[in-house]
Amino acid sequence: MAISLAPWRLGKEGGSVVCDDETLGPQDPKSREYYGGYVVCESATPSNAQGITALPELLAACKEHGFEDWPHGTFPDALNGLAAELESEKWATWLHRKADEIKAAIAKAEPTEAKPQ
């Protein structure tokens, strides 16, 4: 079963994580109102709930950057191979943008004091 790649966020109550993806299946409207969306999980610790919210973004970043296609070698090795195909200025711009995307997803996944969004 595929996971919802809709943005996940902290719910309103009880260490919950929610999203707005109806494909998660039917959920009681009262539950959606109580938690603030379709429930992905409930009763997680605040730091775990914060990390769970980053899963769709981390998964998308890893897939976009081909991590699942590199069973051998390292990400830097793959980047070096790509660098040879790009002009240096384009390469630097691309690399900085992608690094910022990955850093943002990692920062979102790191435990912090969880606050409903």
N, C-alpha and C. Protein backbone atom coordinates (compact mmCIF):
# COMPACT_ATOMS: atom_id res chain seq x y z
N MET A 1 0.84 -1.17 0.00
CA MET A 1 0.00 0.00 0.00
C MET A 1 0.88 1.24 0.00
N ALA A 2 0.60 2.18 -0.88
CA ALA A 2 1.37 3.41 -0.97
C ALA A 2 0.97 4.36 0.16
N ILE A 3 1.92 5.16 0.58
CA ILE A 3 1.59 6.16 1.60
C ILE A 3 1.10 7.43 0.91
N SER A 4 0.40 8.24 1.64
CA SER A 4 -0.03 9.53 1.12
C SER A 4 1.18 10.45 1.04
N LEU A 5 1.36 11.08 -0.10
CA LEU A 5 2.46 12.04 -0.22
C LEU A 5 1.98 13.48 -0.07
N ALA A 6 0.72 13.61 0.38
CA ALA A 6 0.23 14.96 0.69
C ALA A 6 1.05 15.49 1.85
N PRO A 7 1.22 16.79 1.96
CA PRO A 7 1.97 17.32 3.11
C PRO A 7 1.34 16.85 4.43
N TRP A 8 2.18 16.36 5.33
CA TRP A 8 1.75 15.95 6.65
C TRP A 8 2.09 17.07 7.61
N ARG A 9 1.30 17.21 8.65
CA ARG A 9 1.53 18.25 9.64
C ARG A 9 1.10 17.74 11.02
N LEU A 10 1.51 18.46 12.03
CA LEU A 10 1.08 18.11 13.38
C LEU A 10 -0.41 18.38 13.50
N GLY A 11 -1.11 17.45 14.12
CA GLY A 11 -2.53 17.62 14.36
C GLY A 11 -2.79 18.53 15.54
N LYS A 12 -4.05 18.77 15.80
CA LYS A 12 -4.42 19.66 16.90
C LYS A 12 -4.33 18.98 18.25
N GLU A 13 -4.41 17.65 18.29
CA GLU A 13 -4.51 16.96 19.58
C GLU A 13 -3.59 15.75 19.67
N GLY A 14 -3.11 15.49 20.88
CA GLY A 14 -2.53 14.22 21.29
C GLY A 14 -1.39 13.64 20.48
N GLY A 15 -0.44 14.43 20.04
CA GLY A 15 0.69 13.87 19.30
C GLY A 15 0.28 13.27 17.97
N SER A 16 -0.77 13.83 17.37
CA SER A 16 -1.25 13.29 16.11
C SER A 16 -0.54 13.94 14.92
N VAL A 17 -0.54 13.21 13.81
CA VAL A 17 -0.04 13.71 12.53
C VAL A 17 -1.19 13.55 11.55
N VAL A 18 -1.47 14.61 10.80
CA VAL A 18 -2.62 14.61 9.89
C VAL A 18 -2.21 15.14 8.52
N CYS A 19 -3.11 14.94 7.56
CA CYS A 19 -2.95 15.52 6.23
C CYS A 19 -4.34 15.78 5.66
N ASP A 20 -4.39 16.29 4.46
CA ASP A 20 -5.67 16.58 3.82
C ASP A 20 -5.97 15.60 2.68
N ASP A 21 -5.39 14.42 2.72
CA ASP A 21 -5.52 13.43 1.65
C ASP A 21 -6.69 12.49 1.90
N GLU A 22 -7.74 12.64 1.13
CA GLU A 22 -8.93 11.80 1.27
C GLU A 22 -8.66 10.34 0.93
N THR A 23 -7.57 10.06 0.20
CA THR A 23 -7.30 8.67 -0.20
C THR A 23 -6.89 7.80 0.98
N LEU A 24 -6.71 8.38 2.15
CA LEU A 24 -6.40 7.57 3.33
C LEU A 24 -7.60 6.72 3.75
N GLY A 25 -8.71 6.96 3.09
CA GLY A 25 -9.90 6.17 3.39
C GLY A 25 -10.88 6.94 4.22
N PRO A 26 -12.06 6.37 4.39
CA PRO A 26 -13.08 7.10 5.14
C PRO A 26 -12.67 7.24 6.61
N GLN A 27 -12.82 8.42 7.10
CA GLN A 27 -12.58 8.68 8.51
C GLN A 27 -13.76 9.50 9.02
N ASP A 28 -14.10 9.25 10.23
CA ASP A 28 -15.22 9.93 10.86
C ASP A 28 -15.02 11.44 10.82
N PRO A 29 -15.99 12.20 10.33
CA PRO A 29 -15.85 13.66 10.30
C PRO A 29 -15.53 14.28 11.66
N LYS A 30 -16.05 13.68 12.74
CA LYS A 30 -15.74 14.20 14.07
C LYS A 30 -14.25 14.00 14.40
N SER A 31 -13.69 12.87 13.96
CA SER A 31 -12.26 12.65 14.17
C SER A 31 -11.43 13.65 13.38
N ARG A 32 -11.83 13.88 12.12
CA ARG A 32 -11.10 14.85 11.30
C ARG A 32 -11.14 16.24 11.94
N GLU A 33 -12.29 16.61 12.47
CA GLU A 33 -12.41 17.91 13.12
C GLU A 33 -11.56 17.95 14.39
N TYR A 34 -11.61 16.89 15.19
CA TYR A 34 -10.88 16.83 16.45
C TYR A 34 -9.36 16.92 16.22
N TYR A 35 -8.87 16.13 15.26
CA TYR A 35 -7.42 16.08 15.01
C TYR A 35 -6.95 17.16 14.05
N GLY A 36 -7.86 17.71 13.24
CA GLY A 36 -7.48 18.76 12.30
C GLY A 36 -7.14 18.26 10.91
N GLY A 37 -7.59 17.08 10.56
CA GLY A 37 -7.34 16.52 9.23
C GLY A 37 -7.49 15.01 9.25
N TYR A 38 -7.13 14.39 8.14
CA TYR A 38 -7.14 12.93 8.06
C TYR A 38 -5.95 12.40 8.88
N VAL A 39 -6.21 11.48 9.78
CA VAL A 39 -5.19 11.02 10.71
C VAL A 39 -4.22 10.06 10.01
N VAL A 40 -2.94 10.41 10.09
CA VAL A 40 -1.86 9.54 9.63
C VAL A 40 -1.41 8.68 10.81
N CYS A 41 -1.26 9.31 11.97
CA CYS A 41 -0.96 8.57 13.19
C CYS A 41 -1.44 9.42 14.38
N GLU A 42 -1.60 8.76 15.51
CA GLU A 42 -2.02 9.48 16.71
C GLU A 42 -1.20 8.97 17.88
N SER A 43 -1.14 9.76 18.92
CA SER A 43 -0.49 9.39 20.17
C SER A 43 1.01 9.19 20.05
N ALA A 44 1.67 9.91 19.16
CA ALA A 44 3.13 9.87 19.09
C ALA A 44 3.69 10.89 20.09
N THR A 45 4.92 10.67 20.51
CA THR A 45 5.56 11.69 21.35
C THR A 45 5.75 12.94 20.50
N PRO A 46 5.85 14.11 21.11
CA PRO A 46 5.99 15.33 20.31
C PRO A 46 7.17 15.30 19.33
N SER A 47 8.34 14.83 19.78
CA SER A 47 9.49 14.81 18.86
C SER A 47 9.30 13.78 17.76
N ASN A 48 8.68 12.65 18.05
CA ASN A 48 8.42 11.66 17.00
C ASN A 48 7.38 12.17 16.02
N ALA A 49 6.35 12.83 16.52
CA ALA A 49 5.32 13.38 15.63
C ALA A 49 5.94 14.39 14.67
N GLN A 50 6.83 15.23 15.18
CA GLN A 50 7.51 16.21 14.32
C GLN A 50 8.31 15.49 13.23
N GLY A 51 9.04 14.45 13.59
CA GLY A 51 9.81 13.70 12.60
C GLY A 51 8.93 13.01 11.58
N ILE A 52 7.82 12.48 12.02
CA ILE A 52 6.90 11.78 11.12
C ILE A 52 6.36 12.73 10.07
N THR A 53 6.13 14.00 10.42
CA THR A 53 5.59 14.94 9.44
C THR A 53 6.52 15.14 8.25
N ALA A 54 7.80 14.87 8.42
CA ALA A 54 8.77 15.09 7.33
C ALA A 54 8.86 13.93 6.36
N LEU A 55 8.24 12.79 6.66
CA LEU A 55 8.41 11.60 5.83
C LEU A 55 8.10 11.82 4.35
N PRO A 56 6.96 12.40 3.98
CA PRO A 56 6.70 12.57 2.54
C PRO A 56 7.76 13.41 1.83
N GLU A 57 8.23 14.48 2.49
CA GLU A 57 9.24 15.33 1.88
C GLU A 57 10.59 14.62 1.76
N LEU A 58 10.97 13.88 2.81
CA LEU A 58 12.22 13.13 2.74
C LEU A 58 12.15 12.05 1.66
N LEU A 59 11.04 11.36 1.60
CA LEU A 59 10.87 10.32 0.58
C LEU A 59 10.94 10.92 -0.82
N ALA A 60 10.25 12.03 -1.03
CA ALA A 60 10.26 12.68 -2.35
C ALA A 60 11.67 13.15 -2.71
N ALA A 61 12.39 13.74 -1.74
CA ALA A 61 13.74 14.21 -2.02
C ALA A 61 14.66 13.05 -2.37
N CYS A 62 14.57 11.96 -1.63
CA CYS A 62 15.41 10.80 -1.91
C CYS A 62 15.09 10.21 -3.28
N LYS A 63 13.82 10.11 -3.61
CA LYS A 63 13.44 9.57 -4.91
C LYS A 63 13.87 10.50 -6.04
N GLU A 64 13.65 11.81 -5.85
CA GLU A 64 14.01 12.77 -6.88
C GLU A 64 15.51 12.73 -7.17
N HIS A 65 16.29 12.51 -6.15
CA HIS A 65 17.73 12.53 -6.31
C HIS A 65 18.30 11.14 -6.58
N GLY A 66 17.42 10.18 -6.81
CA GLY A 66 17.84 8.87 -7.28
C GLY A 66 18.48 7.96 -6.26
N PHE A 67 18.24 8.17 -4.99
CA PHE A 67 18.86 7.31 -4.00
C PHE A 67 18.47 5.84 -4.20
N GLU A 68 17.22 5.60 -4.61
CA GLU A 68 16.80 4.21 -4.77
C GLU A 68 17.45 3.55 -5.97
N ASP A 69 18.06 4.36 -6.87
CA ASP A 69 18.71 3.81 -8.06
C ASP A 69 20.20 3.57 -7.86
N TRP A 70 20.74 3.88 -6.71
CA TRP A 70 22.17 3.76 -6.48
C TRP A 70 22.48 2.72 -5.41
N PRO A 71 22.37 1.45 -5.75
CA PRO A 71 22.68 0.46 -4.72
C PRO A 71 24.17 0.36 -4.43
N HIS A 72 25.00 0.88 -5.34
CA HIS A 72 26.45 0.84 -5.16
C HIS A 72 26.98 2.26 -5.29
N GLY A 73 28.07 2.55 -4.62
CA GLY A 73 28.62 3.90 -4.69
C GLY A 73 27.92 4.81 -3.71
N THR A 74 28.34 6.05 -3.72
CA THR A 74 27.80 7.01 -2.77
C THR A 74 27.11 8.15 -3.51
N PHE A 75 26.33 8.90 -2.80
CA PHE A 75 25.68 10.07 -3.37
C PHE A 75 26.71 11.05 -3.93
N PRO A 76 27.80 11.37 -3.19
CA PRO A 76 28.82 12.27 -3.77
C PRO A 76 29.41 11.73 -5.07
N ASP A 77 29.62 10.42 -5.16
CA ASP A 77 30.14 9.84 -6.42
C ASP A 77 29.18 10.13 -7.56
N ALA A 78 27.91 9.96 -7.31
CA ALA A 78 26.90 10.21 -8.34
C ALA A 78 26.87 11.69 -8.70
N LEU A 79 26.98 12.56 -7.71
CA LEU A 79 27.00 14.00 -8.00
C LEU A 79 28.21 14.38 -8.83
N ASN A 80 29.35 13.79 -8.54
CA ASN A 80 30.54 14.09 -9.32
C ASN A 80 30.36 13.67 -10.77
N GLY A 81 29.70 12.55 -11.00
CA GLY A 81 29.42 12.12 -12.37
C GLY A 81 28.49 13.09 -13.07
N LEU A 82 27.50 13.59 -12.36
CA LEU A 82 26.57 14.55 -12.93
C LEU A 82 27.26 15.88 -13.19
N ALA A 83 28.17 16.26 -12.34
CA ALA A 83 28.87 17.54 -12.49
C ALA A 83 29.60 17.62 -13.82
N ALA A 84 30.13 16.52 -14.27
CA ALA A 84 30.85 16.50 -15.54
C ALA A 84 29.94 16.84 -16.71
N GLU A 85 28.64 16.60 -16.55
CA GLU A 85 27.69 16.85 -17.62
C GLU A 85 27.12 18.27 -17.60
N LEU A 86 27.36 19.02 -16.56
CA LEU A 86 26.78 20.35 -16.41
C LEU A 86 27.85 21.42 -16.42
N GLU A 87 27.49 22.60 -16.90
CA GLU A 87 28.41 23.72 -16.82
C GLU A 87 28.57 24.09 -15.35
N SER A 88 29.72 24.59 -14.98
CA SER A 88 30.01 24.82 -13.56
C SER A 88 29.01 25.76 -12.89
N GLU A 89 28.59 26.84 -13.55
CA GLU A 89 27.64 27.76 -12.92
C GLU A 89 26.28 27.10 -12.74
N LYS A 90 25.80 26.41 -13.76
CA LYS A 90 24.53 25.69 -13.65
C LYS A 90 24.62 24.62 -12.57
N TRP A 91 25.73 23.94 -12.51
CA TRP A 91 25.95 22.90 -11.52
C TRP A 91 25.86 23.46 -10.11
N ALA A 92 26.54 24.57 -9.88
CA ALA A 92 26.54 25.16 -8.54
C ALA A 92 25.14 25.59 -8.14
N THR A 93 24.41 26.21 -9.05
CA THR A 93 23.04 26.65 -8.76
C THR A 93 22.15 25.45 -8.45
N TRP A 94 22.24 24.43 -9.28
CA TRP A 94 21.43 23.23 -9.09
C TRP A 94 21.76 22.57 -7.77
N LEU A 95 23.04 22.39 -7.50
CA LEU A 95 23.47 21.71 -6.28
C LEU A 95 23.03 22.46 -5.03
N HIS A 96 23.17 23.77 -5.02
CA HIS A 96 22.75 24.55 -3.86
C HIS A 96 21.24 24.45 -3.65
N ARG A 97 20.47 24.49 -4.72
CA ARG A 97 19.01 24.39 -4.59
C ARG A 97 18.62 23.03 -4.04
N LYS A 98 19.22 21.97 -4.56
CA LYS A 98 18.89 20.62 -4.09
C LYS A 98 19.37 20.40 -2.66
N ALA A 99 20.53 20.91 -2.34
CA ALA A 99 21.03 20.77 -0.97
C ALA A 99 20.10 21.49 0.00
N ASP A 100 19.61 22.66 -0.39
CA ASP A 100 18.67 23.39 0.47
C ASP A 100 17.38 22.61 0.67
N GLU A 101 16.88 21.94 -0.38
CA GLU A 101 15.67 21.13 -0.25
C GLU A 101 15.88 19.98 0.73
N ILE A 102 17.01 19.31 0.61
CA ILE A 102 17.31 18.18 1.50
C ILE A 102 17.52 18.67 2.93
N LYS A 103 18.24 19.78 3.09
CA LYS A 103 18.46 20.33 4.44
C LYS A 103 17.13 20.71 5.09
N ALA A 104 16.22 21.30 4.32
CA ALA A 104 14.92 21.69 4.88
C ALA A 104 14.13 20.47 5.33
N ALA A 105 14.16 19.40 4.53
CA ALA A 105 13.45 18.18 4.90
C ALA A 105 14.07 17.54 6.14
N ILE A 106 15.40 17.53 6.20
CA ILE A 106 16.09 16.97 7.37
C ILE A 106 15.78 17.81 8.61
N ALA A 107 15.82 19.13 8.46
CA ALA A 107 15.52 20.00 9.61
C ALA A 107 14.12 19.77 10.12
N LYS A 108 13.18 19.54 9.20
CA LYS A 108 11.81 19.28 9.62
C LYS A 108 11.71 17.96 10.38
N ALA A 109 12.54 17.00 10.00
CA ALA A 109 12.48 15.67 10.63
C ALA A 109 13.16 15.63 11.99
N GLU A 110 14.06 16.57 12.26
CA GLU A 110 14.78 16.55 13.53
C GLU A 110 13.84 16.92 14.67
N PRO A 111 13.98 16.25 15.79
CA PRO A 111 13.09 16.53 16.93
C PRO A 111 13.22 17.96 17.41
N THR A 112 12.09 18.58 17.60
CA THR A 112 12.02 19.92 18.19
C THR A 112 10.80 19.91 19.11
N GLU A 113 10.60 20.99 19.81
CA GLU A 113 9.39 21.10 20.60
C GLU A 113 8.21 21.20 19.64
N ALA A 114 7.36 20.22 19.64
CA ALA A 114 6.26 20.15 18.67
C ALA A 114 5.16 21.13 19.04
N LYS A 115 4.70 21.85 18.04
CA LYS A 115 3.57 22.78 18.21
C LYS A 115 2.63 22.57 17.05
N PRO A 116 1.33 22.48 17.28
CA PRO A 116 0.39 22.33 16.17
C PRO A 116 0.55 23.49 15.18
N GLN A 117 0.40 23.16 13.89
CA GLN A 117 0.55 24.17 12.85
C GLN A 117 -0.79 24.61 12.34
